[in-house]
Amino acid sequence: MERERQQKLEEQEEIKRLRKELIPKAQLMPYFDRPFVPRRSEKQLTVPREPKFCIPRHKTIRCCRMSCNDMSGPSQLQHLPSSVEKTEALYKNRGLQ
């Protein structure tokens, strides 16, 4: 009985101590009298890559496939970027159009 009461008191003291630690405290203001000079990063620059527009065969909708020629005339396809043209060529070669 005495042991349980002692253990309960210890737990309550522990809870009080934890609650005191959780109280937010004010932080000091930073010093603005010195100018901030950021350091140059040590990481390598990222190399830009062309996006991959290849859609896996199992993710294509099989019943609603329409070719680009059906949706727009050949004059509108001339301004497309090279990556889109490459993708269309891949689809034509695979028979996905």
C-alpha atoms as a PDB file:
ATOM      1  CA  MET A   1       0.000   0.000   0.000  1.00  0.00           C
ATOM      2  CA  GLU A   2       2.745   2.412   1.013  1.00  0.00           C
ATOM      3  CA  ARG A   3       4.752   1.357  -2.036  1.00  0.00           C
ATOM      4  CA  GLU A   4       1.869   2.093  -4.412  1.00  0.00           C
ATOM      5  CA  ARG A   5       1.353   5.530  -2.887  1.00  0.00           C
ATOM      6  CA  GLN A   6       5.079   6.280  -3.182  1.00  0.00           C
ATOM      7  CA  GLN A   7       5.038   5.170  -6.829  1.00  0.00           C
ATOM      8  CA  LYS A   8       1.987   7.358  -7.529  1.00  0.00           C
ATOM      9  CA  LEU A   9       3.735  10.386  -6.008  1.00  0.00           C
ATOM     10  CA  GLU A  10       6.830   9.742  -8.134  1.00  0.00           C
ATOM     11  CA  GLU A  11       4.694   9.556 -11.272  1.00  0.00           C
ATOM     12  CA  GLN A  12       2.947  12.821 -10.404  1.00  0.00           C
ATOM     13  CA  GLU A  13       6.284  14.547  -9.795  1.00  0.00           C
ATOM     14  CA  GLU A  14       7.530  13.244 -13.128  1.00  0.00           C
ATOM     15  CA  ILE A  15       4.410  14.566 -14.889  1.00  0.00           C
ATOM     16  CA  LYS A  16       4.851  17.994 -13.239  1.00  0.00           C
ATOM     17  CA  ARG A  17       8.487  18.121 -14.322  1.00  0.00           C
ATOM     18  CA  LEU A  18       7.611  17.162 -17.924  1.00  0.00           C
ATOM     19  CA  ARG A  19       4.882  19.801 -18.087  1.00  0.00           C
ATOM     20  CA  LYS A  20       7.311  22.468 -16.927  1.00  0.00           C
ATOM     21  CA  GLU A  21       9.731  21.476 -19.707  1.00  0.00           C
ATOM     22  CA  LEU A  22       6.978  21.773 -22.322  1.00  0.00           C
ATOM     23  CA  ILE A  23       6.211  25.419 -21.517  1.00  0.00           C
ATOM     24  CA  PRO A  24       7.430  27.539 -24.450  1.00  0.00           C
ATOM     25  CA  LYS A  25      10.140  30.004 -23.548  1.00  0.00           C
ATOM     26  CA  ALA A  26      11.142  33.198 -25.334  1.00  0.00           C
ATOM     27  CA  GLN A  27      14.196  33.070 -27.602  1.00  0.00           C
ATOM     28  CA  LEU A  28      16.777  35.796 -27.888  1.00  0.00           C
ATOM     29  CA  MET A  29      16.558  38.202 -30.809  1.00  0.00           C
ATOM     30  CA  PRO A  30      19.204  37.565 -33.456  1.00  0.00           C
ATOM     31  CA  TYR A  31      21.963  40.123 -33.927  1.00  0.00           C
ATOM     32  CA  PHE A  32      21.432  42.198 -37.067  1.00  0.00           C
ATOM     33  CA  ASP A  33      24.510  44.365 -36.678  1.00  0.00           C
ATOM     34  CA  ARG A  34      26.609  41.902 -38.713  1.00  0.00           C
ATOM     35  CA  PRO A  35      25.696  41.280 -42.365  1.00  0.00           C
ATOM     36  CA  PHE A  36      24.602  37.757 -43.221  1.00  0.00           C
ATOM     37  CA  VAL A  37      26.770  36.121 -45.878  1.00  0.00           C
ATOM     38  CA  PRO A  38      25.404  32.750 -47.011  1.00  0.00           C
ATOM     39  CA  ARG A  39      27.904  30.013 -47.724  1.00  0.00           C
ATOM     40  CA  ARG A  40      28.086  28.426 -51.151  1.00  0.00           C
ATOM     41  CA  SER A  41      26.565  24.971 -51.278  1.00  0.00           C
ATOM     42  CA  GLU A  42      28.833  21.940 -51.513  1.00  0.00           C
ATOM     43  CA  LYS A  43      26.293  19.922 -53.517  1.00  0.00           C
ATOM     44  CA  GLN A  44      26.658  19.284 -57.239  1.00  0.00           C
ATOM     45  CA  LEU A  45      24.319  21.058 -59.633  1.00  0.00           C
ATOM     46  CA  THR A  46      21.413  19.029 -60.940  1.00  0.00           C
ATOM     47  CA  VAL A  47      21.578  18.001 -64.563  1.00  0.00           C
ATOM     48  CA  PRO A  48      18.333  18.749 -66.434  1.00  0.00           C
ATOM     49  CA  ARG A  49      16.766  15.772 -68.187  1.00  0.00           C
ATOM     50  CA  GLU A  50      14.012  15.547 -70.716  1.00  0.00           C
ATOM     51  CA  PRO A  51      10.829  14.089 -69.230  1.00  0.00           C
ATOM     52  CA  LYS A  52       9.786  10.564 -70.122  1.00  0.00           C
ATOM     53  CA  PHE A  53       6.299  10.548 -71.572  1.00  0.00           C
ATOM     54  CA  CYS A  54       6.263   6.813 -72.163  1.00  0.00           C
ATOM     55  CA  ILE A  55       3.123   5.336 -70.616  1.00  0.00           C
ATOM     56  CA  PRO A  56       3.401   1.644 -69.725  1.00  0.00           C
ATOM     57  CA  ARG A  57       1.148  -0.582 -71.794  1.00  0.00           C
ATOM     58  CA  HIS A  58      -0.817  -1.867 -68.786  1.00  0.00           C
ATOM     59  CA  LYS A  59      -1.782   1.712 -67.806  1.00  0.00           C
ATOM     60  CA  THR A  60      -3.275   2.726 -71.153  1.00  0.00           C
ATOM     61  CA  ILE A  61      -7.023   2.750 -71.721  1.00  0.00           C
ATOM     62  CA  ARG A  62      -7.630   0.229 -74.460  1.00  0.00           C
ATOM     63  CA  CYS A  63     -11.197   1.100 -75.451  1.00  0.00           C
ATOM     64  CA  CYS A  64     -10.757   4.854 -75.917  1.00  0.00           C
ATOM     65  CA  ARG A  65      -7.523   5.090 -77.931  1.00  0.00           C
ATOM     66  CA  MET A  66      -7.622   7.904 -80.476  1.00  0.00           C
ATOM     67  CA  SER A  67      -4.761   8.974 -82.628  1.00  0.00           C
ATOM     68  CA  CYS A  68      -3.420  12.523 -82.515  1.00  0.00           C
ATOM     69  CA  ASN A  69      -4.336  12.900 -86.190  1.00  0.00           C
ATOM     70  CA  ASP A  70      -8.008  12.294 -85.354  1.00  0.00           C
ATOM     71  CA  MET A  71      -8.050  15.043 -82.720  1.00  0.00           C
ATOM     72  CA  SER A  72      -6.142  17.737 -84.597  1.00  0.00           C
ATOM     73  CA  GLY A  73      -4.927  18.386 -88.110  1.00  0.00           C
ATOM     74  CA  PRO A  74      -1.327  17.865 -89.250  1.00  0.00           C
ATOM     75  CA  SER A  75      -0.737  21.649 -89.292  1.00  0.00           C
ATOM     76  CA  GLN A  76      -1.231  21.807 -85.515  1.00  0.00           C
ATOM     77  CA  LEU A  77       1.260  19.014 -84.880  1.00  0.00           C
ATOM     78  CA  GLN A  78       4.184  20.882 -86.474  1.00  0.00           C
ATOM     79  CA  HIS A  79       4.739  23.170 -83.490  1.00  0.00           C
ATOM     80  CA  LEU A  80       5.049  20.301 -80.953  1.00  0.00           C
ATOM     81  CA  PRO A  81       8.386  19.865 -79.127  1.00  0.00           C
ATOM     82  CA  SER A  82      10.726  17.091 -80.115  1.00  0.00           C
ATOM     83  CA  SER A  83       9.973  15.010 -76.998  1.00  0.00           C
ATOM     84  CA  VAL A  84       6.292  14.785 -77.948  1.00  0.00           C
ATOM     85  CA  GLU A  85       7.185  13.809 -81.499  1.00  0.00           C
ATOM     86  CA  LYS A  86       9.476  11.092 -80.156  1.00  0.00           C
ATOM     87  CA  THR A  87       6.686   9.818 -77.939  1.00  0.00           C
ATOM     88  CA  GLU A  88       4.256   9.715 -80.840  1.00  0.00           C
ATOM     89  CA  ALA A  89       6.785   7.793 -82.887  1.00  0.00           C
ATOM     90  CA  LEU A  90       7.181   5.282 -80.053  1.00  0.00           C
ATOM     91  CA  TYR A  91       3.422   4.827 -79.860  1.00  0.00           C
ATOM     92  CA  LYS A  92       3.188   4.306 -83.613  1.00  0.00           C
ATOM     93  CA  ASN A  93       5.970   1.698 -83.487  1.00  0.00           C
ATOM     94  CA  ARG A  94       4.271  -0.142 -80.627  1.00  0.00           C
ATOM     95  CA  GLY A  95       0.837   0.078 -82.202  1.00  0.00           C
ATOM     96  CA  LEU A  96      -0.680   1.936 -79.259  1.00  0.00           C
ATOM     97  CA  GLN A  97      -2.296   4.716 -81.242  1.00  0.00           C
END
